[in-house]
Amino acid sequence: MSPIVGVNADGTRWLQTAHWGFVMPQVSKKTGKPIQPKAVNNARDDKLRTLRFWTKSFEEWRCLVPATSFCEAKGRNPAIYDGSA
């Protein structure tokens, strides 16, 4: 869970907590049946307006996620940025 800040159509701000990331539905290549969804939590800026998965959230559901650090997974040794460098 993470706090998020958004703006209503009338310009007033709101604050609430939400789950981090998006859930991407998946289907088994063998059976064609739904399997456990994949969690996605980042998007490349060049894909935001071209991939259907990101379009609506980028255009209509934008918000601010306050953070003091982030982590980019890279294999077994994720790169962590804590703002000190």
PDB file of N, CA and C in Angstrom:
ATOM      1  N   MET A   1       0.836  -1.179   0.000  1.00  0.00           N
ATOM      2  CA  MET A   1       0.000   0.000   0.000  1.00  0.00           C
ATOM      3  C   MET A   1       0.886   1.250   0.000  1.00  0.00           C
ATOM      4  N   SER A   2       0.400   2.280  -0.663  1.00  0.00           N
ATOM      5  CA  SER A   2       1.146   3.517  -0.747  1.00  0.00           C
ATOM      6  C   SER A   2       0.175   4.688  -0.779  1.00  0.00           C
ATOM      7  N   PRO A   3       0.542   5.824  -0.171  1.00  0.00           N
ATOM      8  CA  PRO A   3      -0.322   6.998  -0.296  1.00  0.00           C
ATOM      9  C   PRO A   3      -0.206   7.558  -1.708  1.00  0.00           C
ATOM     10  N   ILE A   4      -1.322   8.029  -2.252  1.00  0.00           N
ATOM     11  CA  ILE A   4      -1.316   8.681  -3.560  1.00  0.00           C
ATOM     12  C   ILE A   4      -2.128   9.969  -3.474  1.00  0.00           C
ATOM     13  N   VAL A   5      -1.749  10.943  -4.279  1.00  0.00           N
ATOM     14  CA  VAL A   5      -2.441  12.229  -4.338  1.00  0.00           C
ATOM     15  C   VAL A   5      -2.960  12.402  -5.759  1.00  0.00           C
ATOM     16  N   GLY A   6      -4.229  12.760  -5.871  1.00  0.00           N
ATOM     17  CA  GLY A   6      -4.826  12.982  -7.178  1.00  0.00           C
ATOM     18  C   GLY A   6      -5.575  14.299  -7.201  1.00  0.00           C
ATOM     19  N   VAL A   7      -6.125  14.652  -8.360  1.00  0.00           N
ATOM     20  CA  VAL A   7      -6.876  15.898  -8.528  1.00  0.00           C
ATOM     21  C   VAL A   7      -8.231  15.571  -9.147  1.00  0.00           C
ATOM     22  N   ASN A   8      -9.289  16.093  -8.539  1.00  0.00           N
ATOM     23  CA  ASN A   8     -10.641  15.947  -9.090  1.00  0.00           C
ATOM     24  C   ASN A   8     -10.816  16.877 -10.288  1.00  0.00           C
ATOM     25  N   ALA A   9     -11.899  16.684 -11.023  1.00  0.00           N
ATOM     26  CA  ALA A   9     -12.185  17.519 -12.195  1.00  0.00           C
ATOM     27  C   ALA A   9     -12.298  18.993 -11.836  1.00  0.00           C
ATOM     28  N   ASP A  10     -12.736  19.294 -10.598  1.00  0.00           N
ATOM     29  CA  ASP A  10     -12.875  20.694 -10.188  1.00  0.00           C
ATOM     30  C   ASP A  10     -11.580  21.292  -9.643  1.00  0.00           C
ATOM     31  N   GLY A  11     -10.493  20.517  -9.669  1.00  0.00           N
ATOM     32  CA  GLY A  11      -9.193  21.016  -9.240  1.00  0.00           C
ATOM     33  C   GLY A  11      -8.842  20.743  -7.793  1.00  0.00           C
ATOM     34  N   THR A  12      -9.786  20.194  -7.016  1.00  0.00           N
ATOM     35  CA  THR A  12      -9.472  19.869  -5.618  1.00  0.00           C
ATOM     36  C   THR A  12      -8.636  18.601  -5.551  1.00  0.00           C
ATOM     37  N   ARG A  13      -7.709  18.582  -4.617  1.00  0.00           N
ATOM     38  CA  ARG A  13      -6.829  17.418  -4.451  1.00  0.00           C
ATOM     39  C   ARG A  13      -7.426  16.437  -3.459  1.00  0.00           C
ATOM     40  N   TRP A  14      -7.070  15.157  -3.610  1.00  0.00           N
ATOM     41  CA  TRP A  14      -7.476  14.128  -2.665  1.00  0.00           C
ATOM     42  C   TRP A  14      -6.272  13.266  -2.318  1.00  0.00           C
ATOM     43  N   LEU A  15      -6.330  12.595  -1.161  1.00  0.00           N
ATOM     44  CA  LEU A  15      -5.264  11.706  -0.695  1.00  0.00           C
ATOM     45  C   LEU A  15      -5.906  10.406  -0.254  1.00  0.00           C
ATOM     46  N   GLN A  16      -5.351   9.290  -0.694  1.00  0.00           N
ATOM     47  CA  GLN A  16      -5.832   7.982  -0.265  1.00  0.00           C
ATOM     48  C   GLN A  16      -4.697   6.979  -0.389  1.00  0.00           C
ATOM     49  N   THR A  17      -4.890   5.780   0.111  1.00  0.00           N
ATOM     50  CA  THR A  17      -3.882   4.727  -0.059  1.00  0.00           C
ATOM     51  C   THR A  17      -4.356   3.770  -1.138  1.00  0.00           C
ATOM     52  N   ALA A  18      -3.415   3.187  -1.842  1.00  0.00           N
ATOM     53  CA  ALA A  18      -3.745   2.269  -2.929  1.00  0.00           C
ATOM     54  C   ALA A  18      -2.645   1.229  -3.057  1.00  0.00           C
ATOM     55  N   HIS A  19      -2.968   0.133  -3.739  1.00  0.00           N
ATOM     56  CA  HIS A  19      -1.958  -0.885  -4.021  1.00  0.00           C
ATOM     57  C   HIS A  19      -1.016  -0.358  -5.080  1.00  0.00           C
ATOM     58  N   TRP A  20       0.237  -0.699  -4.982  1.00  0.00           N
ATOM     59  CA  TRP A  20       1.257  -0.238  -5.910  1.00  0.00           C
ATOM     60  C   TRP A  20       1.236  -1.116  -7.148  1.00  0.00           C
ATOM     61  N   GLY A  21       1.219  -0.524  -8.312  1.00  0.00           N
ATOM     62  CA  GLY A  21       1.342  -1.249  -9.565  1.00  0.00           C
ATOM     63  C   GLY A  21       0.011  -1.598 -10.218  1.00  0.00           C
ATOM     64  N   PHE A  22       0.103  -2.282 -11.346  1.00  0.00           N
ATOM     65  CA  PHE A  22      -1.043  -2.704 -12.131  1.00  0.00           C
ATOM     66  C   PHE A  22      -1.023  -4.224 -12.242  1.00  0.00           C
ATOM     67  N   VAL A  23      -2.175  -4.798 -12.490  1.00  0.00           N
ATOM     68  CA  VAL A  23      -2.266  -6.241 -12.666  1.00  0.00           C
ATOM     69  C   VAL A  23      -2.514  -6.518 -14.140  1.00  0.00           C
ATOM     70  N   MET A  24      -1.623  -7.273 -14.758  1.00  0.00           N
ATOM     71  CA  MET A  24      -1.752  -7.612 -16.168  1.00  0.00           C
ATOM     72  C   MET A  24      -2.259  -9.058 -16.290  1.00  0.00           C
ATOM     73  N   PRO A  25      -3.485  -9.237 -16.800  1.00  0.00           N
ATOM     74  CA  PRO A  25      -4.009 -10.599 -16.955  1.00  0.00           C
ATOM     75  C   PRO A  25      -3.125 -11.415 -17.892  1.00  0.00           C
ATOM     76  N   GLN A  26      -3.028 -12.712 -17.604  1.00  0.00           N
ATOM     77  CA  GLN A  26      -2.235 -13.607 -18.448  1.00  0.00           C
ATOM     78  C   GLN A  26      -3.008 -14.886 -18.728  1.00  0.00           C
ATOM     79  N   VAL A  27      -2.676 -15.509 -19.841  1.00  0.00           N
ATOM     80  CA  VAL A  27      -3.270 -16.795 -20.195  1.00  0.00           C
ATOM     81  C   VAL A  27      -2.169 -17.807 -20.459  1.00  0.00           C
ATOM     82  N   SER A  28      -2.439 -19.052 -20.115  1.00  0.00           N
ATOM     83  CA  SER A  28      -1.472 -20.131 -20.322  1.00  0.00           C
ATOM     84  C   SER A  28      -1.280 -20.356 -21.817  1.00  0.00           C
ATOM     85  N   LYS A  29      -0.026 -20.466 -22.257  1.00  0.00           N
ATOM     86  CA  LYS A  29       0.249 -20.743 -23.668  1.00  0.00           C
ATOM     87  C   LYS A  29      -0.168 -22.163 -24.033  1.00  0.00           C
ATOM     88  N   LYS A  30      -0.141 -23.073 -23.046  1.00  0.00           N
ATOM     89  CA  LYS A  30      -0.524 -24.465 -23.297  1.00  0.00           C
ATOM     90  C   LYS A  30      -2.028 -24.655 -23.362  1.00  0.00           C
ATOM     91  N   THR A  31      -2.742 -24.142 -22.360  1.00  0.00           N
ATOM     92  CA  THR A  31      -4.178 -24.410 -22.247  1.00  0.00           C
ATOM     93  C   THR A  31      -5.065 -23.277 -22.725  1.00  0.00           C
ATOM     94  N   GLY A  32      -4.529 -22.053 -22.782  1.00  0.00           N
ATOM     95  CA  GLY A  32      -5.337 -20.909 -23.163  1.00  0.00           C
ATOM     96  C   GLY A  32      -6.216 -20.402 -22.040  1.00  0.00           C
ATOM     97  N   LYS A  33      -6.072 -20.999 -20.851  1.00  0.00           N
ATOM     98  CA  LYS A  33      -6.879 -20.594 -19.696  1.00  0.00           C
ATOM     99  C   LYS A  33      -6.150 -19.525 -18.888  1.00  0.00           C
ATOM    100  N   PRO A  34      -6.919 -18.696 -18.164  1.00  0.00           N
ATOM    101  CA  PRO A  34      -6.306 -17.657 -17.336  1.00  0.00           C
ATOM    102  C   PRO A  34      -5.386 -18.262 -16.265  1.00  0.00           C
ATOM    103  N   ILE A  35      -4.264 -17.590 -16.038  1.00  0.00           N
ATOM    104  CA  ILE A  35      -3.324 -17.975 -14.983  1.00  0.00           C
ATOM    105  C   ILE A  35      -3.089 -16.762 -14.086  1.00  0.00           C
ATOM    106  N   GLN A  36      -2.260 -16.910 -13.068  1.00  0.00           N
ATOM    107  CA  GLN A  36      -2.017 -15.818 -12.121  1.00  0.00           C
ATOM    108  C   GLN A  36      -1.530 -14.577 -12.864  1.00  0.00           C
ATOM    109  N   PRO A  37      -2.175 -13.436 -12.601  1.00  0.00           N
ATOM    110  CA  PRO A  37      -1.785 -12.187 -13.275  1.00  0.00           C
ATOM    111  C   PRO A  37      -0.362 -11.768 -12.923  1.00  0.00           C
ATOM    112  N   LYS A  38       0.240 -11.021 -13.818  1.00  0.00           N
ATOM    113  CA  LYS A  38       1.587 -10.487 -13.620  1.00  0.00           C
ATOM    114  C   LYS A  38       1.470  -9.069 -13.066  1.00  0.00           C
ATOM    115  N   ALA A  39       2.252  -8.764 -12.031  1.00  0.00           N
ATOM    116  CA  ALA A  39       2.255  -7.409 -11.467  1.00  0.00           C
ATOM    117  C   ALA A  39       3.227  -6.537 -12.261  1.00  0.00           C
ATOM    118  N   VAL A  40       2.750  -5.392 -12.705  1.00  0.00           N
ATOM    119  CA  VAL A  40       3.563  -4.452 -13.473  1.00  0.00           C
ATOM    120  C   VAL A  40       3.552  -3.124 -12.734  1.00  0.00           C
ATOM    121  N   ASN A  41       4.723  -2.516 -12.514  1.00  0.00           N
ATOM    122  CA  ASN A  41       4.729  -1.265 -11.761  1.00  0.00           C
ATOM    123  C   ASN A  41       5.551  -0.156 -12.392  1.00  0.00           C
ATOM    124  N   ASN A  42       5.949  -0.329 -13.617  1.00  0.00           N
ATOM    125  CA  ASN A  42       6.639   0.782 -14.285  1.00  0.00           C
ATOM    126  C   ASN A  42       6.365   0.732 -15.786  1.00  0.00           C
ATOM    127  N   ALA A  43       6.491   1.874 -16.427  1.00  0.00           N
ATOM    128  CA  ALA A  43       6.234   1.967 -17.859  1.00  0.00           C
ATOM    129  C   ALA A  43       7.281   2.862 -18.496  1.00  0.00           C
ATOM    130  N   ARG A  44       7.657   2.524 -19.711  1.00  0.00           N
ATOM    131  CA  ARG A  44       8.590   3.382 -20.449  1.00  0.00           C
ATOM    132  C   ARG A  44       7.814   4.559 -21.028  1.00  0.00           C
ATOM    133  N   ASP A  45       8.418   5.725 -21.005  1.00  0.00           N
ATOM    134  CA  ASP A  45       7.714   6.913 -21.486  1.00  0.00           C
ATOM    135  C   ASP A  45       7.333   6.826 -22.960  1.00  0.00           C
ATOM    136  N   ASP A  46       8.083   6.071 -23.756  1.00  0.00           N
ATOM    137  CA  ASP A  46       7.755   5.961 -25.172  1.00  0.00           C
ATOM    138  C   ASP A  46       6.613   4.975 -25.435  1.00  0.00           C
ATOM    139  N   LYS A  47       6.121   4.286 -24.409  1.00  0.00           N
ATOM    140  CA  LYS A  47       5.040   3.310 -24.580  1.00  0.00           C
ATOM    141  C   LYS A  47       3.709   3.783 -23.984  1.00  0.00           C
ATOM    142  N   LEU A  48       3.727   4.880 -23.219  1.00  0.00           N
ATOM    143  CA  LEU A  48       2.526   5.304 -22.497  1.00  0.00           C
ATOM    144  C   LEU A  48       1.339   5.601 -23.401  1.00  0.00           C
ATOM    145  N   ARG A  49       1.569   6.169 -24.551  1.00  0.00           N
ATOM    146  CA  ARG A  49       0.460   6.526 -25.444  1.00  0.00           C
ATOM    147  C   ARG A  49       0.253   5.521 -26.576  1.00  0.00           C
ATOM    148  N   THR A  50       1.131   4.526 -26.696  1.00  0.00           N
ATOM    149  CA  THR A  50       1.001   3.600 -27.816  1.00  0.00           C
ATOM    150  C   THR A  50       0.504   2.217 -27.418  1.00  0.00           C
ATOM    151  N   LEU A  51       0.678   1.815 -26.163  1.00  0.00           N
ATOM    152  CA  LEU A  51       0.201   0.502 -25.729  1.00  0.00           C
ATOM    153  C   LEU A  51      -1.122   0.648 -24.987  1.00  0.00           C
ATOM    154  N   ARG A  52      -2.130  -0.133 -25.397  1.00  0.00           N
ATOM    155  CA  ARG A  52      -3.454  -0.045 -24.773  1.00  0.00           C
ATOM    156  C   ARG A  52      -3.406  -0.248 -23.264  1.00  0.00           C
ATOM    157  N   PHE A  53      -2.478  -1.075 -22.782  1.00  0.00           N
ATOM    158  CA  PHE A  53      -2.385  -1.359 -21.351  1.00  0.00           C
ATOM    159  C   PHE A  53      -2.181  -0.080 -20.535  1.00  0.00           C
ATOM    160  N   TRP A  54      -1.435   0.886 -21.076  1.00  0.00           N
ATOM    161  CA  TRP A  54      -1.103   2.097 -20.321  1.00  0.00           C
ATOM    162  C   TRP A  54      -1.947   3.310 -20.660  1.00  0.00           C
ATOM    163  N   THR A  55      -2.575   3.353 -21.827  1.00  0.00           N
ATOM    164  CA  THR A  55      -3.218   4.566 -22.332  1.00  0.00           C
ATOM    165  C   THR A  55      -4.215   5.189 -21.360  1.00  0.00           C
ATOM    166  N   LYS A  56      -5.220   4.429 -20.906  1.00  0.00           N
ATOM    167  CA  LYS A  56      -6.259   5.006 -20.048  1.00  0.00           C
ATOM    168  C   LYS A  56      -5.678   5.495 -18.725  1.00  0.00           C
ATOM    169  N   SER A  57      -4.800   4.713 -18.115  1.00  0.00           N
ATOM    170  CA  SER A  57      -4.241   5.135 -16.837  1.00  0.00           C
ATOM    171  C   SER A  57      -3.394   6.393 -16.998  1.00  0.00           C
ATOM    172  N   PHE A  58      -2.656   6.503 -18.086  1.00  0.00           N
ATOM    173  CA  PHE A  58      -1.827   7.683 -18.314  1.00  0.00           C
ATOM    174  C   PHE A  58      -2.677   8.923 -18.558  1.00  0.00           C
ATOM    175  N   GLU A  59      -3.748   8.781 -19.327  1.00  0.00           N
ATOM    176  CA  GLU A  59      -4.572   9.927 -19.692  1.00  0.00           C
ATOM    177  C   GLU A  59      -5.607  10.310 -18.627  1.00  0.00           C
ATOM    178  N   GLU A  60      -6.143   9.324 -17.888  1.00  0.00           N
ATOM    179  CA  GLU A  60      -7.264   9.609 -16.995  1.00  0.00           C
ATOM    180  C   GLU A  60      -6.996   9.351 -15.512  1.00  0.00           C
ATOM    181  N   TRP A  61      -6.045   8.509 -15.164  1.00  0.00           N
ATOM    182  CA  TRP A  61      -5.863   8.104 -13.772  1.00  0.00           C
ATOM    183  C   TRP A  61      -4.545   8.570 -13.200  1.00  0.00           C
ATOM    184  N   ARG A  62      -4.006   9.645 -13.692  1.00  0.00           N
ATOM    185  CA  ARG A  62      -2.712  10.120 -13.215  1.00  0.00           C
ATOM    186  C   ARG A  62      -2.788  10.557 -11.762  1.00  0.00           C
ATOM    187  N   CYS A  63      -1.696  10.318 -11.035  1.00  0.00           N
ATOM    188  CA  CYS A  63      -1.630  10.718  -9.632  1.00  0.00           C
ATOM    189  C   CYS A  63      -0.157  10.872  -9.243  1.00  0.00           C
ATOM    190  N   LEU A  64       0.046  11.408  -8.064  1.00  0.00           N
ATOM    191  CA  LEU A  64       1.388  11.574  -7.519  1.00  0.00           C
ATOM    192  C   LEU A  64       1.589  10.507  -6.445  1.00  0.00           C
ATOM    193  N   VAL A  65       2.715   9.793  -6.510  1.00  0.00           N
ATOM    194  CA  VAL A  65       3.041   8.779  -5.514  1.00  0.00           C
ATOM    195  C   VAL A  65       4.279   9.268  -4.767  1.00  0.00           C
ATOM    196  N   PRO A  66       4.087   9.823  -3.549  1.00  0.00           N
ATOM    197  CA  PRO A  66       5.254  10.283  -2.783  1.00  0.00           C
ATOM    198  C   PRO A  66       6.174   9.102  -2.476  1.00  0.00           C
ATOM    199  N   ALA A  67       7.474   9.309  -2.634  1.00  0.00           N
ATOM    200  CA  ALA A  67       8.428   8.219  -2.386  1.00  0.00           C
ATOM    201  C   ALA A  67       9.745   8.783  -1.881  1.00  0.00           C
ATOM    202  N   THR A  68      10.444   7.986  -1.101  1.00  0.00           N
ATOM    203  CA  THR A  68      11.769   8.372  -0.616  1.00  0.00           C
ATOM    204  C   THR A  68      12.852   7.515  -1.263  1.00  0.00           C
ATOM    205  N   SER A  69      12.448   6.450  -1.969  1.00  0.00           N
ATOM    206  CA  SER A  69      13.404   5.594  -2.656  1.00  0.00           C
ATOM    207  C   SER A  69      12.656   4.761  -3.698  1.00  0.00           C
ATOM    208  N   PHE A  70      13.400   4.109  -4.573  1.00  0.00           N
ATOM    209  CA  PHE A  70      12.790   3.179  -5.508  1.00  0.00           C
ATOM    210  C   PHE A  70      13.776   2.066  -5.807  1.00  0.00           C
ATOM    211  N   CYS A  71      13.274   0.999  -6.397  1.00  0.00           N
ATOM    212  CA  CYS A  71      14.100  -0.167  -6.708  1.00  0.00           C
ATOM    213  C   CYS A  71      13.766  -0.635  -8.114  1.00  0.00           C
ATOM    214  N   GLU A  72      14.757  -0.846  -8.934  1.00  0.00           N
ATOM    215  CA  GLU A  72      14.577  -1.375 -10.282  1.00  0.00           C
ATOM    216  C   GLU A  72      15.162  -2.772 -10.299  1.00  0.00           C
ATOM    217  N   ALA A  73      14.296  -3.757 -10.444  1.00  0.00           N
ATOM    218  CA  ALA A  73      14.761  -5.147 -10.413  1.00  0.00           C
ATOM    219  C   ALA A  73      15.613  -5.467 -11.639  1.00  0.00           C
ATOM    220  N   LYS A  74      16.760  -6.082 -11.389  1.00  0.00           N
ATOM    221  CA  LYS A  74      17.647  -6.527 -12.467  1.00  0.00           C
ATOM    222  C   LYS A  74      18.223  -7.870 -12.042  1.00  0.00           C
ATOM    223  N   GLY A  75      17.549  -8.935 -12.400  1.00  0.00           N
ATOM    224  CA  GLY A  75      18.020 -10.269 -12.025  1.00  0.00           C
ATOM    225  C   GLY A  75      18.007 -10.470 -10.522  1.00  0.00           C
ATOM    226  N   ARG A  76      19.046 -11.068  -9.999  1.00  0.00           N
ATOM    227  CA  ARG A  76      19.111 -11.369  -8.565  1.00  0.00           C
ATOM    228  C   ARG A  76      19.611 -10.199  -7.727  1.00  0.00           C
ATOM    229  N   ASN A  77      20.220  -9.178  -8.362  1.00  0.00           N
ATOM    230  CA  ASN A  77      20.769  -8.037  -7.643  1.00  0.00           C
ATOM    231  C   ASN A  77      20.094  -6.742  -8.074  1.00  0.00           C
ATOM    232  N   PRO A  78      18.940  -6.397  -7.457  1.00  0.00           N
ATOM    233  CA  PRO A  78      18.240  -5.175  -7.887  1.00  0.00           C
ATOM    234  C   PRO A  78      19.036  -3.913  -7.562  1.00  0.00           C
ATOM    235  N   ALA A  79      18.905  -2.921  -8.412  1.00  0.00           N
ATOM    236  CA  ALA A  79      19.555  -1.635  -8.206  1.00  0.00           C
ATOM    237  C   ALA A  79      18.626  -0.788  -7.347  1.00  0.00           C
ATOM    238  N   ILE A  80      19.124  -0.246  -6.249  1.00  0.00           N
ATOM    239  CA  ILE A  80      18.298   0.552  -5.348  1.00  0.00           C
ATOM    240  C   ILE A  80      18.837   1.970  -5.313  1.00  0.00           C
ATOM    241  N   TYR A  81      17.943   2.934  -5.483  1.00  0.00           N
ATOM    242  CA  TYR A  81      18.307   4.337  -5.396  1.00  0.00           C
ATOM    243  C   TYR A  81      17.612   4.904  -4.176  1.00  0.00           C
ATOM    244  N   ASP A  82      18.353   5.451  -3.250  1.00  0.00           N
ATOM    245  CA  ASP A  82      17.742   5.976  -2.024  1.00  0.00           C
ATOM    246  C   ASP A  82      17.832   7.495  -1.928  1.00  0.00           C
ATOM    247  N   GLY A  83      18.190   8.149  -3.010  1.00  0.00           N
ATOM    248  CA  GLY A  83      18.233   9.599  -3.033  1.00  0.00           C
ATOM    249  C   GLY A  83      19.549  10.188  -2.530  1.00  0.00           C
ATOM    250  N   SER A  84      20.466   9.352  -2.075  1.00  0.00           N
ATOM    251  CA  SER A  84      21.716   9.887  -1.508  1.00  0.00           C
ATOM    252  C   SER A  84      22.817  10.096  -2.544  1.00  0.00           C
ATOM    253  N   ALA A  85      22.665   9.543  -3.725  1.00  0.00           N
ATOM    254  CA  ALA A  85      23.727   9.680  -4.731  1.00  0.00           C
ATOM    255  C   ALA A  85      23.407  10.754  -5.742  1.00  0.00           C
TER     256      ALA A  85
END
